[in-house]
Amino acid sequence: MYNDKTTALKDGDLCLVIAGTHKGKWGKINDINTSKTGHITITVEQDNTLRFKTLMKNVVPKEIEK
């Protein structure tokens, strides 16, 4: 279920949410935790300082547009 792209993310990386409540939003990863049930959760902070939590399986790295 987890792919190599999502497990390679770390604090400070840009990510794009591809599933769940926050689908389509993107931001910088601030906090990575493992819950009691074993799911990996992350806190994402957007440019406008809005923060939200989501599951690691719902995000992929965001490509930086040049």
Protein backbone atom coordinates (compact mmCIF):
# COMPACT_ATOMS: atom_id res chain seq x y z
CA MET A 1 0.00 0.00 0.00
CA TYR A 2 2.85 2.40 0.77
CA ASN A 3 5.05 3.33 -2.15
CA ASP A 4 8.73 4.24 -2.13
CA LYS A 5 8.01 7.88 -2.99
CA THR A 6 6.04 8.58 0.19
CA THR A 7 8.35 6.74 2.56
CA ALA A 8 11.31 8.81 1.32
CA LEU A 9 9.78 12.11 2.51
CA LYS A 10 11.32 13.94 5.47
CA ASP A 11 10.80 17.17 7.43
CA GLY A 12 11.06 20.24 5.21
CA ASP A 13 10.11 18.48 1.95
CA LEU A 14 7.32 19.85 -0.22
CA CYS A 15 4.45 17.44 -0.71
CA LEU A 16 1.15 17.28 -2.57
CA VAL A 17 -1.88 15.62 -0.98
CA ILE A 18 -3.45 13.18 -3.48
CA ALA A 19 -6.20 11.63 -1.32
CA GLY A 20 -8.32 12.32 1.73
CA THR A 21 -9.94 15.47 3.09
CA HIS A 22 -7.13 17.81 2.02
CA LYS A 23 -6.79 16.46 -1.54
CA GLY A 24 -5.17 18.99 -3.89
CA LYS A 25 -3.43 21.00 -1.16
CA TRP A 26 0.33 21.16 -0.84
CA GLY A 27 2.89 22.46 1.59
CA LYS A 28 5.98 21.73 3.64
CA ILE A 29 6.17 18.74 5.98
CA ASN A 30 6.76 19.85 9.58
CA ASP A 31 6.21 16.81 11.76
CA ILE A 32 6.23 13.04 11.12
CA ASN A 33 4.75 10.68 13.72
CA THR A 34 3.77 7.04 13.97
CA SER A 35 0.42 6.47 15.67
CA LYS A 36 -0.36 3.66 18.13
CA THR A 37 -1.99 1.73 15.29
CA GLY A 38 1.14 1.99 13.15
CA HIS A 39 -0.05 4.59 10.64
CA ILE A 40 2.40 7.35 9.74
CA THR A 41 0.89 10.82 10.16
CA ILE A 42 2.37 14.12 9.05
CA THR A 43 1.68 17.79 9.68
CA VAL A 44 1.72 19.90 6.52
CA GLU A 45 2.16 23.69 6.66
CA GLN A 46 1.02 25.73 3.68
CA ASP A 47 2.58 29.02 2.58
CA ASN A 48 -0.23 30.96 4.29
CA THR A 49 0.73 29.28 7.64
CA LEU A 50 -2.38 27.07 7.61
CA ARG A 51 -1.49 23.68 9.10
CA PHE A 52 -3.26 20.34 8.77
CA LYS A 53 -2.58 16.70 9.55
CA THR A 54 -2.86 13.86 7.07
CA LEU A 55 -1.62 10.32 6.52
CA MET A 56 1.73 9.77 4.82
CA LYS A 57 0.09 7.37 2.34
CA ASN A 58 -2.02 10.29 1.04
CA VAL A 59 0.93 12.43 -0.11
CA VAL A 60 3.58 12.42 -2.83
CA PRO A 61 6.62 14.67 -3.25
CA LYS A 62 5.81 17.94 -5.04
CA GLU A 63 8.00 18.72 -8.01
CA ILE A 64 9.52 22.19 -7.87
CA GLU A 65 8.48 24.10 -10.97
CA LYS A 66 11.33 25.87 -12.71
